[in-house]
PDB file of N, CA and C in Angstrom:
ATOM      1  N   MET A   1    -121.667  52.348-106.387  1.00  0.00           N
ATOM      2  CA  MET A   1    -122.454  51.678-105.221  1.00  0.00           C
ATOM      3  C   MET A   1    -121.411  50.621-104.877  1.00  0.00           C
ATOM      4  N   ARG A   2    -121.320  50.211-103.809  1.00  0.00           N
ATOM      5  CA  ARG A   2    -120.304  49.188-103.050  1.00  0.00           C
ATOM      6  C   ARG A   2    -121.204  48.232-102.338  1.00  0.00           C
ATOM      7  N   ALA A   3    -120.902  46.953-102.680  1.00  0.00           N
ATOM      8  CA  ALA A   3    -121.649  45.720-101.559  1.00  0.00           C
ATOM      9  C   ALA A   3    -120.658  44.752-101.389  1.00  0.00           C
ATOM     10  N   VAL A   4    -120.613  44.147-100.373  1.00  0.00           N
ATOM     11  CA  VAL A   4    -119.599  43.250 -99.867  1.00  0.00           C
ATOM     12  C   VAL A   4    -120.033  41.910-100.659  1.00  0.00           C
ATOM     13  N   PRO A   5    -118.990  41.155-100.956  1.00  0.00           N
ATOM     14  CA  PRO A   5    -119.559  39.770-101.639  1.00  0.00           C
ATOM     15  C   PRO A   5    -119.997  38.936-100.918  1.00  0.00           C
ATOM     16  N   GLU A   6    -121.175  39.139-100.008  1.00  0.00           N
ATOM     17  CA  GLU A   6    -121.818  38.000 -99.298  1.00  0.00           C
ATOM     18  C   GLU A   6    -123.106  37.789 -99.684  1.00  0.00           C
ATOM     19  N   LYS A   7    -123.222  36.483 -99.849  1.00  0.00           N
ATOM     20  CA  LYS A   7    -124.656  35.839-100.281  1.00  0.00           C
ATOM     21  C   LYS A   7    -125.293  36.569-101.534  1.00  0.00           C
ATOM     22  N   GLY A   8    -124.253  36.941-102.621  1.00  0.00           N
ATOM     23  CA  GLY A   8    -124.591  37.226-104.020  1.00  0.00           C
ATOM     24  C   GLY A   8    -124.956  38.959-103.967  1.00  0.00           C
ATOM     25  N   ARG A   9    -124.889  39.573-102.627  1.00  0.00           N
ATOM     26  CA  ARG A   9    -125.195  40.922-102.599  1.00  0.00           C
ATOM     27  C   ARG A   9    -124.486  41.894-103.798  1.00  0.00           C
ATOM     28  N   ALA A  10    -123.145  41.723-103.944  1.00  0.00           N
ATOM     29  CA  ALA A  10    -122.515  42.402-104.787  1.00  0.00           C
ATOM     30  C   ALA A  10    -122.918  42.252-106.142  1.00  0.00           C
ATOM     31  N   ASN A  11    -123.288  40.926-106.457  1.00  0.00           N
ATOM     32  CA  ASN A  11    -123.797  40.554-107.978  1.00  0.00           C
ATOM     33  C   ASN A  11    -125.094  41.160-108.232  1.00  0.00           C
ATOM     34  N   SER A  12    -125.964  41.200-107.252  1.00  0.00           N
ATOM     35  CA  SER A  12    -127.229  41.925-107.539  1.00  0.00           C
ATOM     36  C   SER A  12    -127.161  43.404-107.221  1.00  0.00           C
ATOM     37  N   ALA A  13    -126.174  43.833-106.635  1.00  0.00           N
ATOM     38  CA  ALA A  13    -125.914  45.328-106.770  1.00  0.00           C
ATOM     39  C   ALA A  13    -125.336  45.709-108.061  1.00  0.00           C
ATOM     40  N   LEU A  14    -124.378  44.800-108.641  1.00  0.00           N
ATOM     41  CA  LEU A  14    -123.946  45.224-109.943  1.00  0.00           C
ATOM     42  C   LEU A  14    -125.132  45.001-111.084  1.00  0.00           C
ATOM     43  N   ILE A  15    -126.083  44.230-110.900  1.00  0.00           N
ATOM     44  CA  ILE A  15    -127.149  44.152-111.896  1.00  0.00           C
ATOM     45  C   ILE A  15    -127.898  45.296-111.711  1.00  0.00           C
ATOM     46  N   ALA A  16    -128.490  45.822-110.468  1.00  0.00           N
ATOM     47  CA  ALA A  16    -129.233  47.017-110.542  1.00  0.00           C
ATOM     48  C   ALA A  16    -128.823  47.939-110.800  1.00  0.00           C
ATOM     49  N   LEU A  17    -127.059  48.026-110.574  1.00  0.00           N
ATOM     50  CA  LEU A  17    -126.888  49.433-111.368  1.00  0.00           C
ATOM     51  C   LEU A  17    -126.470  49.411-112.829  1.00  0.00           C
ATOM     52  N   LEU A  18    -126.496  48.284-113.515  1.00  0.00           N
ATOM     53  CA  LEU A  18    -126.329  48.153-114.738  1.00  0.00           C
ATOM     54  C   LEU A  18    -127.650  48.418-115.312  1.00  0.00           C
ATOM     55  N   ALA A  19    -128.712  47.904-114.570  1.00  0.00           N
ATOM     56  CA  ALA A  19    -130.152  47.867-115.109  1.00  0.00           C
ATOM     57  C   ALA A  19    -130.405  49.430-115.052  1.00  0.00           C
ATOM     58  N   LYS A  20    -130.179  50.062-114.050  1.00  0.00           N
ATOM     59  CA  LYS A  20    -130.497  51.537-114.058  1.00  0.00           C
ATOM     60  C   LYS A  20    -129.797  52.415-114.854  1.00  0.00           C
ATOM     61  N   ALA A  21    -128.655  52.145-115.238  1.00  0.00           N
ATOM     62  CA  ALA A  21    -127.838  53.040-116.073  1.00  0.00           C
ATOM     63  C   ALA A  21    -128.285  52.668-117.746  1.00  0.00           C
ATOM     64  N   LEU A  22    -128.817  51.637-117.950  1.00  0.00           N
ATOM     65  CA  LEU A  22    -129.341  50.990-119.294  1.00  0.00           C
ATOM     66  C   LEU A  22    -130.836  51.195-119.447  1.00  0.00           C
ATOM     67  N   ASP A  23    -131.619  51.487-118.185  1.00  0.00           N
ATOM     68  CA  ASP A  23    -132.788  51.623-118.305  1.00  0.00           C
ATOM     69  C   ASP A  23    -133.317  50.248-118.802  1.00  0.00           C
ATOM     70  N   TRP A  24    -132.978  49.237-118.290  1.00  0.00           N
ATOM     71  CA  TRP A  24    -133.548  47.854-118.626  1.00  0.00           C
ATOM     72  C   TRP A  24    -134.061  47.085-117.458  1.00  0.00           C
ATOM     73  N   PRO A  25    -134.881  46.410-117.689  1.00  0.00           N
ATOM     74  CA  PRO A  25    -135.405  45.501-116.488  1.00  0.00           C
ATOM     75  C   PRO A  25    -134.538  44.723-115.944  1.00  0.00           C
ATOM     76  N   LYS A  26    -134.364  44.704-114.337  1.00  0.00           N
ATOM     77  CA  LYS A  26    -133.213  43.972-113.732  1.00  0.00           C
ATOM     78  C   LYS A  26    -133.180  42.545-114.035  1.00  0.00           C
ATOM     79  N   GLY A  27    -134.713  41.985-114.305  1.00  0.00           N
ATOM     80  CA  GLY A  27    -135.107  40.602-114.723  1.00  0.00           C
ATOM     81  C   GLY A  27    -134.448  40.005-115.887  1.00  0.00           C
ATOM     82  N   ALA A  28    -134.153  40.837-116.802  1.00  0.00           N
ATOM     83  CA  ALA A  28    -133.467  40.670-118.026  1.00  0.00           C
ATOM     84  C   ALA A  28    -132.047  40.730-118.421  1.00  0.00           C
ATOM     85  N   ILE A  29    -131.231  41.143-117.088  1.00  0.00           N
ATOM     86  CA  ILE A  29    -130.024  40.846-116.950  1.00  0.00           C
ATOM     87  C   ILE A  29    -129.423  39.745-116.126  1.00  0.00           C
ATOM     88  N   LEU A  30    -128.807  38.924-116.759  1.00  0.00           N
ATOM     89  CA  LEU A  30    -128.457  37.537-115.944  1.00  0.00           C
ATOM     90  C   LEU A  30    -126.948  37.505-115.858  1.00  0.00           C
ATOM     91  N   LEU A  31    -126.704  36.832-114.575  1.00  0.00           N
ATOM     92  CA  LEU A  31    -125.055  36.763-114.261  1.00  0.00           C
ATOM     93  C   LEU A  31    -124.805  35.145-115.002  1.00  0.00           C
ATOM     94  N   GLU A  32    -123.831  35.140-115.703  1.00  0.00           N
ATOM     95  CA  GLU A  32    -123.818  34.031-116.549  1.00  0.00           C
ATOM     96  C   GLU A  32    -122.696  33.220-115.964  1.00  0.00           C
ATOM     97  N   SER A  33    -121.786  33.847-115.596  1.00  0.00           N
ATOM     98  CA  SER A  33    -120.535  33.265-114.845  1.00  0.00           C
ATOM     99  C   SER A  33    -119.728  34.252-114.177  1.00  0.00           C
ATOM    100  N   GLY A  34    -119.058  33.986-113.100  1.00  0.00           N
ATOM    101  CA  GLY A  34    -118.129  34.838-112.273  1.00  0.00           C
ATOM    102  C   GLY A  34    -118.853  35.241-111.048  1.00  0.00           C
ATOM    103  N   ASP A  35    -119.570  34.423-110.521  1.00  0.00           N
ATOM    104  CA  ASP A  35    -120.384  34.562-109.341  1.00  0.00           C
ATOM    105  C   ASP A  35    -119.566  35.036-108.255  1.00  0.00           C
ATOM    106  N   THR A  36    -118.427  34.019-107.995  1.00  0.00           N
ATOM    107  CA  THR A  36    -117.596  34.581-106.946  1.00  0.00           C
ATOM    108  C   THR A  36    -116.388  35.204-107.550  1.00  0.00           C
ATOM    109  N   ASN A  37    -115.976  35.601-108.700  1.00  0.00           N
ATOM    110  CA  ASN A  37    -114.999  35.964-109.310  1.00  0.00           C
ATOM    111  C   ASN A  37    -114.982  37.734-109.387  1.00  0.00           C
ATOM    112  N   ARG A  38    -113.883  38.510-109.545  1.00  0.00           N
ATOM    113  CA  ARG A  38    -114.220  39.624-109.763  1.00  0.00           C
ATOM    114  C   ARG A  38    -114.588  39.807-111.367  1.00  0.00           C
ATOM    115  N   LEU A  39    -114.062  39.053-112.188  1.00  0.00           N
ATOM    116  CA  LEU A  39    -114.653  39.123-113.672  1.00  0.00           C
ATOM    117  C   LEU A  39    -115.942  38.410-113.743  1.00  0.00           C
ATOM    118  N   LYS A  40    -116.941  39.236-114.527  1.00  0.00           N
ATOM    119  CA  LYS A  40    -118.250  38.685-114.423  1.00  0.00           C
ATOM    120  C   LYS A  40    -118.567  38.651-116.071  1.00  0.00           C
ATOM    121  N   ARG A  41    -119.481  37.745-116.480  1.00  0.00           N
ATOM    122  CA  ARG A  41    -120.058  37.739-117.460  1.00  0.00           C
ATOM    123  C   ARG A  41    -121.601  37.776-117.578  1.00  0.00           C
ATOM    124  N   LEU A  42    -122.315  38.723-118.182  1.00  0.00           N
ATOM    125  CA  LEU A  42    -123.593  39.212-117.909  1.00  0.00           C
ATOM    126  C   LEU A  42    -124.139  38.848-119.426  1.00  0.00           C
ATOM    127  N   ARG A  43    -125.598  38.556-119.350  1.00  0.00           N
ATOM    128  CA  ARG A  43    -126.380  38.511-120.581  1.00  0.00           C
ATOM    129  C   ARG A  43    -127.591  39.251-120.373  1.00  0.00           C
ATOM    130  N   ILE A  44    -127.679  40.359-121.531  1.00  0.00           N
ATOM    131  CA  ILE A  44    -128.738  41.037-121.355  1.00  0.00           C
ATOM    132  C   ILE A  44    -129.773  40.431-122.376  1.00  0.00           C
ATOM    133  N   ARG A  45    -130.741  39.854-121.495  1.00  0.00           N
ATOM    134  CA  ARG A  45    -131.998  39.431-122.340  1.00  0.00           C
ATOM    135  C   ARG A  45    -132.855  40.465-123.172  1.00  0.00           C
ATOM    136  N   ASP A  46    -133.048  39.918-124.417  1.00  0.00           N
ATOM    137  CA  ASP A  46    -133.708  40.820-125.520  1.00  0.00           C
ATOM    138  C   ASP A  46    -132.685  42.035-125.815  1.00  0.00           C
ATOM    139  N   GLY A  47    -131.547  41.966-125.645  1.00  0.00           N
ATOM    140  CA  GLY A  47    -130.615  43.108-125.771  1.00  0.00           C
ATOM    141  C   GLY A  47    -130.605  43.175-127.557  1.00  0.00           C
ATOM    142  N   ALA A  48    -130.561  42.291-128.374  1.00  0.00           N
ATOM    143  CA  ALA A  48    -130.114  42.374-129.510  1.00  0.00           C
ATOM    144  C   ALA A  48    -131.333  43.191-130.136  1.00  0.00           C
ATOM    145  N   HIS A  49    -132.503  43.195-129.788  1.00  0.00           N
ATOM    146  CA  HIS A  49    -133.610  44.054-130.372  1.00  0.00           C
ATOM    147  C   HIS A  49    -133.058  45.483-129.707  1.00  0.00           C
ATOM    148  N   ALA A  50    -132.339  45.907-129.094  1.00  0.00           N
ATOM    149  CA  ALA A  50    -132.019  47.155-128.542  1.00  0.00           C
ATOM    150  C   ALA A  50    -130.630  47.135-128.699  1.00  0.00           C
ATOM    151  N   ALA A  51    -130.012  46.542-129.579  1.00  0.00           N
ATOM    152  CA  ALA A  51    -128.371  46.490-129.830  1.00  0.00           C
ATOM    153  C   ALA A  51    -127.861  47.831-130.015  1.00  0.00           C
ATOM    154  N   ALA A  52    -128.546  48.692-130.990  1.00  0.00           N
ATOM    155  CA  ALA A  52    -127.795  49.982-131.424  1.00  0.00           C
ATOM    156  C   ALA A  52    -127.741  50.835-130.021  1.00  0.00           C
ATOM    157  N   ARG A  53    -128.798  50.667-129.206  1.00  0.00           N
ATOM    158  CA  ARG A  53    -129.206  51.679-127.997  1.00  0.00           C
ATOM    159  C   ARG A  53    -128.047  51.275-127.211  1.00  0.00           C
ATOM    160  N   LEU A  54    -127.994  49.953-127.015  1.00  0.00           N
ATOM    161  CA  LEU A  54    -127.022  49.557-125.826  1.00  0.00           C
ATOM    162  C   LEU A  54    -125.264  49.691-126.271  1.00  0.00           C
ATOM    163  N   THR A  55    -125.274  49.495-127.597  1.00  0.00           N
ATOM    164  CA  THR A  55    -123.923  49.688-128.132  1.00  0.00           C
ATOM    165  C   THR A  55    -123.328  51.258-127.924  1.00  0.00           C
ATOM    166  N   THR A  56    -124.529  52.097-128.059  1.00  0.00           N
ATOM    167  CA  THR A  56    -124.200  53.556-127.919  1.00  0.00           C
ATOM    168  C   THR A  56    -123.884  53.800-126.567  1.00  0.00           C
ATOM    169  N   ILE A  57    -124.492  53.638-125.561  1.00  0.00           N
ATOM    170  CA  ILE A  57    -124.669  53.723-124.222  1.00  0.00           C
ATOM    171  C   ILE A  57    -123.136  53.259-123.672  1.00  0.00           C
ATOM    172  N   ILE A  58    -122.733  52.030-124.238  1.00  0.00           N
ATOM    173  CA  ILE A  58    -121.438  51.340-123.730  1.00  0.00           C
ATOM    174  C   ILE A  58    -120.317  52.175-124.397  1.00  0.00           C
ATOM    175  N   ASP A  59    -120.456  52.782-125.667  1.00  0.00           N
ATOM    176  CA  ASP A  59    -119.464  53.401-126.113  1.00  0.00           C
ATOM    177  C   ASP A  59    -119.189  54.850-125.459  1.00  0.00           C
ATOM    178  N   ILE A  60    -120.345  55.232-125.113  1.00  0.00           N
ATOM    179  CA  ILE A  60    -120.021  56.651-124.076  1.00  0.00           C
ATOM    180  C   ILE A  60    -119.548  56.352-122.945  1.00  0.00           C
ATOM    181  N   TRP A  61    -119.927  55.188-122.195  1.00  0.00           N
ATOM    182  CA  TRP A  61    -119.213  54.862-121.096  1.00  0.00           C
ATOM    183  C   TRP A  61    -117.536  54.777-121.286  1.00  0.00           C
ATOM    184  N   VAL A  62    -117.214  54.199-122.336  1.00  0.00           N
ATOM    185  CA  VAL A  62    -115.794  53.637-122.456  1.00  0.00           C
ATOM    186  C   VAL A  62    -115.283  54.874-122.967  1.00  0.00           C
ATOM    187  N   GLN A  63    -115.617  56.137-123.747  1.00  0.00           N
ATOM    188  CA  GLN A  63    -115.131  57.092-123.719  1.00  0.00           C
ATOM    189  C   GLN A  63    -114.958  58.010-122.505  1.00  0.00           C
ATOM    190  N   ALA A  64    -115.771  57.855-121.850  1.00  0.00           N
ATOM    191  CA  ALA A  64    -115.723  58.594-120.421  1.00  0.00           C
ATOM    192  C   ALA A  64    -114.644  58.223-119.680  1.00  0.00           C
ATOM    193  N   THR A  65    -113.956  57.083-119.859  1.00  0.00           N
ATOM    194  CA  THR A  65    -113.227  56.407-118.583  1.00  0.00           C
ATOM    195  C   THR A  65    -111.832  56.758-119.293  1.00  0.00           C
TER     196      THR A  65
END
């Protein structure tokens, strides 16, 4: 998925992609920093309750790359 960095569309696209991949609500994923930067810091709200699930998914992604 690609979106030009126009009026936050790329950031919204990133959050939508991550929410879909994690099966997590878009509203629970917040951009903490990096609004105009290539490096982003995201917060997954209520992620602590599903930390094991999220860690497993991220580990699978890392191993695949």
